[in-house]
Amino acid sequence: MTLLSIKKSEIYLYRLVCFAYYWPTKYLEQLVECGFLTKQKVGRANYYINAPLCQLLLAHS
């Protein structure tokens, strides 16, 4: 492998990781805006919760 091909593969991997990280967040934020999910920030992490589903599961457990 040449240095150029190594750099190209590193850039491709970086783009792939960024896409995999940011795309679900964007989708989840849209679901929050529509009212399907609620967002709760705990420390540095964000949790997206489907409250009606949680209530249904707790009612039937």
PDB file of N, CA and C in Angstrom:
ATOM      1  N   MET A   1       0.841  -1.187   0.000  1.00  0.00           N
ATOM      2  CA  MET A   1       0.000   0.000   0.000  1.00  0.00           C
ATOM      3  C   MET A   1       0.881   1.242   0.000  1.00  0.00           C
ATOM      4  N   THR A   2       0.424   2.205  -0.744  1.00  0.00           N
ATOM      5  CA  THR A   2       1.146   3.467  -0.758  1.00  0.00           C
ATOM      6  C   THR A   2       0.578   4.387   0.314  1.00  0.00           C
ATOM      7  N   LEU A   3       1.305   5.427   0.603  1.00  0.00           N
ATOM      8  CA  LEU A   3       0.863   6.390   1.603  1.00  0.00           C
ATOM      9  C   LEU A   3      -0.443   7.055   1.162  1.00  0.00           C
ATOM     10  N   LEU A   4      -0.577   7.315  -0.138  1.00  0.00           N
ATOM     11  CA  LEU A   4      -1.793   7.937  -0.656  1.00  0.00           C
ATOM     12  C   LEU A   4      -3.003   7.025  -0.475  1.00  0.00           C
ATOM     13  N   SER A   5      -2.861   5.749  -0.735  1.00  0.00           N
ATOM     14  CA  SER A   5      -3.990   4.831  -0.578  1.00  0.00           C
ATOM     15  C   SER A   5      -4.369   4.669   0.891  1.00  0.00           C
ATOM     16  N   ILE A   6      -3.378   4.729   1.777  1.00  0.00           N
ATOM     17  CA  ILE A   6      -3.665   4.652   3.211  1.00  0.00           C
ATOM     18  C   ILE A   6      -4.456   5.879   3.643  1.00  0.00           C
ATOM     19  N   LYS A   7      -4.060   7.061   3.190  1.00  0.00           N
ATOM     20  CA  LYS A   7      -4.769   8.298   3.538  1.00  0.00           C
ATOM     21  C   LYS A   7      -6.197   8.275   2.991  1.00  0.00           C
ATOM     22  N   LYS A   8      -6.372   7.774   1.776  1.00  0.00           N
ATOM     23  CA  LYS A   8      -7.712   7.681   1.192  1.00  0.00           C
ATOM     24  C   LYS A   8      -8.603   6.756   2.019  1.00  0.00           C
ATOM     25  N   SER A   9      -8.051   5.639   2.471  1.00  0.00           N
ATOM     26  CA  SER A   9      -8.854   4.709   3.265  1.00  0.00           C
ATOM     27  C   SER A   9      -9.180   5.311   4.630  1.00  0.00           C
ATOM     28  N   GLU A  10      -8.253   6.103   5.197  1.00  0.00           N
ATOM     29  CA  GLU A  10      -8.530   6.769   6.468  1.00  0.00           C
ATOM     30  C   GLU A  10      -9.647   7.802   6.314  1.00  0.00           C
ATOM     31  N   ILE A  11      -9.628   8.555   5.211  1.00  0.00           N
ATOM     32  CA  ILE A  11     -10.670   9.555   4.961  1.00  0.00           C
ATOM     33  C   ILE A  11     -12.012   8.863   4.761  1.00  0.00           C
ATOM     34  N   TYR A  12     -12.030   7.772   4.009  1.00  0.00           N
ATOM     35  CA  TYR A  12     -13.276   7.035   3.798  1.00  0.00           C
ATOM     36  C   TYR A  12     -13.827   6.526   5.120  1.00  0.00           C
ATOM     37  N   LEU A  13     -12.971   5.980   5.961  1.00  0.00           N
ATOM     38  CA  LEU A  13     -13.403   5.467   7.256  1.00  0.00           C
ATOM     39  C   LEU A  13     -13.950   6.592   8.130  1.00  0.00           C
ATOM     40  N   TYR A  14     -13.291   7.752   8.117  1.00  0.00           N
ATOM     41  CA  TYR A  14     -13.746   8.903   8.889  1.00  0.00           C
ATOM     42  C   TYR A  14     -15.133   9.331   8.430  1.00  0.00           C
ATOM     43  N   ARG A  15     -15.352   9.409   7.121  1.00  0.00           N
ATOM     44  CA  ARG A  15     -16.663   9.801   6.585  1.00  0.00           C
ATOM     45  C   ARG A  15     -17.725   8.785   6.978  1.00  0.00           C
ATOM     46  N   LEU A  16     -17.394   7.527   6.922  1.00  0.00           N
ATOM     47  CA  LEU A  16     -18.335   6.474   7.275  1.00  0.00           C
ATOM     48  C   LEU A  16     -18.726   6.561   8.747  1.00  0.00           C
ATOM     49  N   VAL A  17     -17.764   6.790   9.623  1.00  0.00           N
ATOM     50  CA  VAL A  17     -18.031   6.910  11.049  1.00  0.00           C
ATOM     51  C   VAL A  17     -18.886   8.145  11.321  1.00  0.00           C
ATOM     52  N   CYS A  18     -18.575   9.263  10.681  1.00  0.00           N
ATOM     53  CA  CYS A  18     -19.363  10.485  10.872  1.00  0.00           C
ATOM     54  C   CYS A  18     -20.794  10.283  10.412  1.00  0.00           C
ATOM     55  N   PHE A  19     -20.980   9.647   9.274  1.00  0.00           N
ATOM     56  CA  PHE A  19     -22.330   9.392   8.780  1.00  0.00           C
ATOM     57  C   PHE A  19     -23.089   8.489   9.736  1.00  0.00           C
ATOM     58  N   ALA A  20     -22.449   7.444  10.218  1.00  0.00           N
ATOM     59  CA  ALA A  20     -23.106   6.497  11.119  1.00  0.00           C
ATOM     60  C   ALA A  20     -23.436   7.144  12.456  1.00  0.00           C
ATOM     61  N   TYR A  21     -22.669   8.149  12.854  1.00  0.00           N
ATOM     62  CA  TYR A  21     -22.913   8.803  14.142  1.00  0.00           C
ATOM     63  C   TYR A  21     -23.975   9.887  14.024  1.00  0.00           C
ATOM     64  N   TYR A  22     -23.898  10.726  13.002  1.00  0.00           N
ATOM     65  CA  TYR A  22     -24.780  11.885  12.920  1.00  0.00           C
ATOM     66  C   TYR A  22     -26.133  11.586  12.307  1.00  0.00           C
ATOM     67  N   TRP A  23     -26.228  10.644  11.379  1.00  0.00           N
ATOM     68  CA  TRP A  23     -27.505  10.387  10.737  1.00  0.00           C
ATOM     69  C   TRP A  23     -28.570   9.918  11.731  1.00  0.00           C
ATOM     70  N   PRO A  24     -28.295   8.932  12.608  1.00  0.00           N
ATOM     71  CA  PRO A  24     -29.341   8.529  13.561  1.00  0.00           C
ATOM     72  C   PRO A  24     -29.745   9.665  14.490  1.00  0.00           C
ATOM     73  N   THR A  25     -28.811  10.514  14.877  1.00  0.00           N
ATOM     74  CA  THR A  25     -29.134  11.632  15.754  1.00  0.00           C
ATOM     75  C   THR A  25     -30.090  12.589  15.063  1.00  0.00           C
ATOM     76  N   LYS A  26     -29.845  12.870  13.817  1.00  0.00           N
ATOM     77  CA  LYS A  26     -30.722  13.762  13.057  1.00  0.00           C
ATOM     78  C   LYS A  26     -32.125  13.156  12.954  1.00  0.00           C
ATOM     79  N   TYR A  27     -32.206  11.878  12.683  1.00  0.00           N
ATOM     80  CA  TYR A  27     -33.483  11.182  12.578  1.00  0.00           C
ATOM     81  C   TYR A  27     -34.219  11.197  13.916  1.00  0.00           C
ATOM     82  N   LEU A  28     -33.506  10.928  15.010  1.00  0.00           N
ATOM     83  CA  LEU A  28     -34.125  10.932  16.336  1.00  0.00           C
ATOM     84  C   LEU A  28     -34.609  12.324  16.711  1.00  0.00           C
ATOM     85  N   GLU A  29     -33.855  13.359  16.358  1.00  0.00           N
ATOM     86  CA  GLU A  29     -34.279  14.731  16.639  1.00  0.00           C
ATOM     87  C   GLU A  29     -35.564  15.064  15.895  1.00  0.00           C
ATOM     88  N   GLN A  30     -35.727  14.567  14.687  1.00  0.00           N
ATOM     89  CA  GLN A  30     -36.964  14.784  13.935  1.00  0.00           C
ATOM     90  C   GLN A  30     -38.131  14.094  14.625  1.00  0.00           C
ATOM     91  N   LEU A  31     -37.904  12.913  15.176  1.00  0.00           N
ATOM     92  CA  LEU A  31     -38.967  12.219  15.904  1.00  0.00           C
ATOM     93  C   LEU A  31     -39.341  12.966  17.184  1.00  0.00           C
ATOM     94  N   VAL A  32     -38.377  13.614  17.817  1.00  0.00           N
ATOM     95  CA  VAL A  32     -38.654  14.429  19.001  1.00  0.00           C
ATOM     96  C   VAL A  32     -39.505  15.626  18.599  1.00  0.00           C
ATOM     97  N   GLU A  33     -39.148  16.280  17.490  1.00  0.00           N
ATOM     98  CA  GLU A  33     -39.902  17.442  17.016  1.00  0.00           C
ATOM     99  C   GLU A  33     -41.349  17.090  16.684  1.00  0.00           C
ATOM    100  N   CYS A  34     -41.574  15.881  16.175  1.00  0.00           N
ATOM    101  CA  CYS A  34     -42.931  15.445  15.827  1.00  0.00           C
ATOM    102  C   CYS A  34     -43.708  14.949  17.047  1.00  0.00           C
ATOM    103  N   GLY A  35     -43.035  14.767  18.169  1.00  0.00           N
ATOM    104  CA  GLY A  35     -43.703  14.350  19.383  1.00  0.00           C
ATOM    105  C   GLY A  35     -43.750  12.851  19.613  1.00  0.00           C
ATOM    106  N   PHE A  36     -43.051  12.075  18.817  1.00  0.00           N
ATOM    107  CA  PHE A  36     -43.047  10.622  18.995  1.00  0.00           C
ATOM    108  C   PHE A  36     -42.125  10.176  20.122  1.00  0.00           C
ATOM    109  N   LEU A  37     -41.057  10.937  20.365  1.00  0.00           N
ATOM    110  CA  LEU A  37     -40.086  10.598  21.399  1.00  0.00           C
ATOM    111  C   LEU A  37     -39.866  11.799  22.306  1.00  0.00           C
ATOM    112  N   THR A  38     -39.345  11.534  23.504  1.00  0.00           N
ATOM    113  CA  THR A  38     -38.880  12.609  24.369  1.00  0.00           C
ATOM    114  C   THR A  38     -37.377  12.426  24.547  1.00  0.00           C
ATOM    115  N   LYS A  39     -36.685  13.545  24.643  1.00  0.00           N
ATOM    116  CA  LYS A  39     -35.225  13.514  24.768  1.00  0.00           C
ATOM    117  C   LYS A  39     -34.849  13.880  26.192  1.00  0.00           C
ATOM    118  N   GLN A  40     -33.994  13.056  26.782  1.00  0.00           N
ATOM    119  CA  GLN A  40     -33.489  13.333  28.126  1.00  0.00           C
ATOM    120  C   GLN A  40     -31.980  13.264  28.086  1.00  0.00           C
ATOM    121  N   LYS A  41     -31.353  14.338  28.573  1.00  0.00           N
ATOM    122  CA  LYS A  41     -29.891  14.384  28.601  1.00  0.00           C
ATOM    123  C   LYS A  41     -29.430  13.984  29.992  1.00  0.00           C
ATOM    124  N   VAL A  42     -28.589  12.971  30.056  1.00  0.00           N
ATOM    125  CA  VAL A  42     -28.020  12.500  31.316  1.00  0.00           C
ATOM    126  C   VAL A  42     -26.510  12.538  31.152  1.00  0.00           C
ATOM    127  N   GLY A  43     -25.883  13.491  31.830  1.00  0.00           N
ATOM    128  CA  GLY A  43     -24.440  13.669  31.653  1.00  0.00           C
ATOM    129  C   GLY A  43     -24.160  14.128  30.238  1.00  0.00           C
ATOM    130  N   ARG A  44     -23.314  13.394  29.535  1.00  0.00           N
ATOM    131  CA  ARG A  44     -22.999  13.733  28.149  1.00  0.00           C
ATOM    132  C   ARG A  44     -23.868  12.966  27.154  1.00  0.00           C
ATOM    133  N   ALA A  45     -24.638  12.013  27.633  1.00  0.00           N
ATOM    134  CA  ALA A  45     -25.425  11.155  26.748  1.00  0.00           C
ATOM    135  C   ALA A  45     -26.851  11.677  26.605  1.00  0.00           C
ATOM    136  N   ASN A  46     -27.438  11.438  25.450  1.00  0.00           N
ATOM    137  CA  ASN A  46     -28.842  11.744  25.204  1.00  0.00           C
ATOM    138  C   ASN A  46     -29.611  10.433  25.103  1.00  0.00           C
ATOM    139  N   TYR A  47     -30.743  10.389  25.779  1.00  0.00           N
ATOM    140  CA  TYR A  47     -31.609   9.219  25.718  1.00  0.00           C
ATOM    141  C   TYR A  47     -32.918   9.634  25.079  1.00  0.00           C
ATOM    142  N   TYR A  48     -33.345   8.873  24.089  1.00  0.00           N
ATOM    143  CA  TYR A  48     -34.589   9.138  23.386  1.00  0.00           C
ATOM    144  C   TYR A  48     -35.592   8.086  23.829  1.00  0.00           C
ATOM    145  N   ILE A  49     -36.683   8.537  24.434  1.00  0.00           N
ATOM    146  CA  ILE A  49     -37.612   7.623  25.084  1.00  0.00           C
ATOM    147  C   ILE A  49     -38.971   7.692  24.415  1.00  0.00           C
ATOM    148  N   ASN A  50     -39.512   6.525  24.130  1.00  0.00           N
ATOM    149  CA  ASN A  50     -40.862   6.414  23.605  1.00  0.00           C
ATOM    150  C   ASN A  50     -41.781   6.203  24.809  1.00  0.00           C
ATOM    151  N   ALA A  51     -42.305   7.309  25.355  1.00  0.00           N
ATOM    152  CA  ALA A  51     -43.087   7.267  26.589  1.00  0.00           C
ATOM    153  C   ALA A  51     -44.355   6.413  26.461  1.00  0.00           C
ATOM    154  N   PRO A  52     -45.151   6.550  25.386  1.00  0.00           N
ATOM    155  CA  PRO A  52     -46.346   5.699  25.290  1.00  0.00           C
ATOM    156  C   PRO A  52     -46.023   4.203  25.279  1.00  0.00           C
ATOM    157  N   LEU A  53     -44.934   3.834  24.617  1.00  0.00           N
ATOM    158  CA  LEU A  53     -44.541   2.424  24.589  1.00  0.00           C
ATOM    159  C   LEU A  53     -44.120   1.959  25.979  1.00  0.00           C
ATOM    160  N   CYS A  54     -43.387   2.791  26.707  1.00  0.00           N
ATOM    161  CA  CYS A  54     -42.981   2.442  28.075  1.00  0.00           C
ATOM    162  C   CYS A  54     -44.207   2.255  28.976  1.00  0.00           C
ATOM    163  N   GLN A  55     -45.186   3.143  28.850  1.00  0.00           N
ATOM    164  CA  GLN A  55     -46.402   3.027  29.658  1.00  0.00           C
ATOM    165  C   GLN A  55     -47.158   1.749  29.314  1.00  0.00           C
ATOM    166  N   LEU A  56     -47.242   1.420  28.044  1.00  0.00           N
ATOM    167  CA  LEU A  56     -47.927   0.204  27.624  1.00  0.00           C
ATOM    168  C   LEU A  56     -47.236  -1.036  28.175  1.00  0.00           C
ATOM    169  N   LEU A  57     -45.916  -1.060  28.089  1.00  0.00           N
ATOM    170  CA  LEU A  57     -45.171  -2.212  28.598  1.00  0.00           C
ATOM    171  C   LEU A  57     -45.294  -2.349  30.103  1.00  0.00           C
ATOM    172  N   LEU A  58     -45.275  -1.225  30.812  1.00  0.00           N
ATOM    173  CA  LEU A  58     -45.414  -1.284  32.265  1.00  0.00           C
ATOM    174  C   LEU A  58     -46.823  -1.684  32.691  1.00  0.00           C
ATOM    175  N   ALA A  59     -47.821  -1.310  31.926  1.00  0.00           N
ATOM    176  CA  ALA A  59     -49.208  -1.647  32.246  1.00  0.00           C
ATOM    177  C   ALA A  59     -49.472  -3.146  32.062  1.00  0.00           C
ATOM    178  N   HIS A  60     -48.781  -3.761  31.144  1.00  0.00           N
ATOM    179  CA  HIS A  60     -49.033  -5.182  30.853  1.00  0.00           C
ATOM    180  C   HIS A  60     -47.972  -6.116  31.429  1.00  0.00           C
ATOM    181  N   SER A  61     -47.145  -5.608  32.321  1.00  0.00           N
ATOM    182  CA  SER A  61     -46.122  -6.484  32.894  1.00  0.00           C
ATOM    183  C   SER A  61     -46.556  -7.027  34.250  1.00  0.00           C
TER     184      SER A  61
END
